[in-house]
């Protein structure tokens, strides 16, 4: 049986791996958010973050740079959180 910290660390390692993309801009935005903003999300928002990670790189980049807008309010909220944490 895994302890809660082990399970949490395993999940963060998985997410960190999924944040590594084919574009440096996405790597910076997503990994930065994982370090500085992810912990503030509630369970539903964390699930939305994982849904964002399933998007193709170009679509995700457009959302994060603001050249495309999500019509899903829950995703738009997480996108805004990522953008607010960004170093760009």
Protein backbone atom coordinates (compact mmCIF):
# COMPACT_ATOMS: atom_id res chain seq x y z
CA UNK A 1 0.00 0.00 0.00
CA UNK A 2 1.33 3.43 -0.97
CA UNK A 3 1.34 6.31 1.44
CA UNK A 4 -0.33 9.56 0.46
CA UNK A 5 2.97 11.47 -0.07
CA UNK A 6 4.28 8.64 -2.31
CA UNK A 7 1.08 8.68 -4.36
CA UNK A 8 1.20 12.49 -4.62
CA UNK A 9 4.85 12.44 -5.68
CA UNK A 10 4.15 9.75 -8.26
CA UNK A 11 1.29 11.81 -9.69
CA UNK A 12 3.47 14.92 -9.87
CA UNK A 13 6.19 12.95 -11.67
CA UNK A 14 3.62 11.74 -14.21
CA UNK A 15 2.32 15.26 -14.73
CA UNK A 16 5.84 16.66 -15.07
CA UNK A 17 6.51 14.11 -17.80
CA UNK A 18 3.25 15.04 -19.58
CA UNK A 19 4.21 18.75 -19.36
CA UNK A 20 7.29 18.09 -21.47
CA UNK A 21 6.17 18.87 -24.99
CA UNK A 22 7.64 19.38 -28.43
CA UNK A 23 7.73 23.16 -27.98
CA UNK A 24 9.99 25.03 -25.59
CA UNK A 25 7.26 27.62 -24.94
CA UNK A 26 4.87 24.91 -23.74
CA UNK A 27 7.55 23.29 -21.61
CA UNK A 28 8.22 26.59 -19.86
CA UNK A 29 4.56 27.48 -19.34
CA UNK A 30 3.37 24.06 -18.21
CA UNK A 31 6.32 23.11 -16.02
CA UNK A 32 6.31 26.56 -14.43
CA UNK A 33 2.64 26.19 -13.63
CA UNK A 34 3.16 22.72 -12.24
CA UNK A 35 5.78 24.16 -9.87
CA UNK A 36 4.03 27.38 -8.91
CA UNK A 37 0.30 27.05 -9.44
CA UNK A 38 -0.88 23.46 -9.63
CA UNK A 39 -1.14 22.96 -5.85
CA UNK A 40 -3.72 25.77 -5.64
CA UNK A 41 -6.15 23.91 -7.92
CA UNK A 42 -9.00 21.86 -6.51
CA UNK A 43 -9.70 18.30 -7.68
CA UNK A 44 -11.94 19.30 -10.59
CA UNK A 45 -9.48 21.91 -11.78
CA UNK A 46 -6.66 19.38 -11.61
CA UNK A 47 -8.73 17.08 -13.83
CA UNK A 48 -9.22 20.01 -16.24
CA UNK A 49 -5.45 20.58 -16.26
CA UNK A 50 -4.99 16.95 -17.27
CA UNK A 51 -7.58 17.40 -20.02
CA UNK A 52 -5.54 20.36 -21.30
CA UNK A 53 -2.43 18.18 -21.36
CA UNK A 54 -4.24 15.78 -23.71
CA UNK A 55 -4.65 18.52 -26.36
CA UNK A 56 -2.36 18.74 -29.37
CA UNK A 57 0.62 21.07 -28.84
CA UNK A 58 -0.48 23.74 -31.31
CA UNK A 59 -4.01 23.99 -29.88
CA UNK A 60 -2.70 24.15 -26.34
CA UNK A 61 -0.17 26.82 -27.27
CA UNK A 62 -2.89 28.95 -28.88
CA UNK A 63 -4.97 28.74 -25.70
CA UNK A 64 -2.04 29.64 -23.47
CA UNK A 65 -0.88 32.53 -25.64
CA UNK A 66 -4.43 33.88 -25.89
CA UNK A 67 -4.78 33.58 -29.66
CA UNK A 68 -7.60 31.06 -29.17
CA UNK A 69 -10.30 31.03 -26.51
CA UNK A 70 -11.81 27.95 -24.90
CA UNK A 71 -15.59 27.88 -24.84
CA UNK A 72 -15.51 25.58 -21.81
CA UNK A 73 -15.56 27.69 -18.68
CA UNK A 74 -13.71 25.16 -16.55
CA UNK A 75 -10.88 24.86 -19.06
CA UNK A 76 -10.80 28.62 -19.54
CA UNK A 77 -10.31 29.02 -15.79
CA UNK A 78 -7.31 26.67 -15.73
CA UNK A 79 -5.88 28.32 -18.84
CA UNK A 80 -6.14 31.68 -17.07
CA UNK A 81 -4.39 30.22 -14.01
CA UNK A 82 -1.53 28.97 -16.18
CA UNK A 83 -1.26 32.30 -17.98
CA UNK A 84 -1.26 34.18 -14.66
CA UNK A 85 1.63 32.05 -13.42
CA UNK A 86 3.69 32.38 -16.60
CA UNK A 87 7.01 34.13 -16.91
CA UNK A 88 6.22 35.41 -20.43
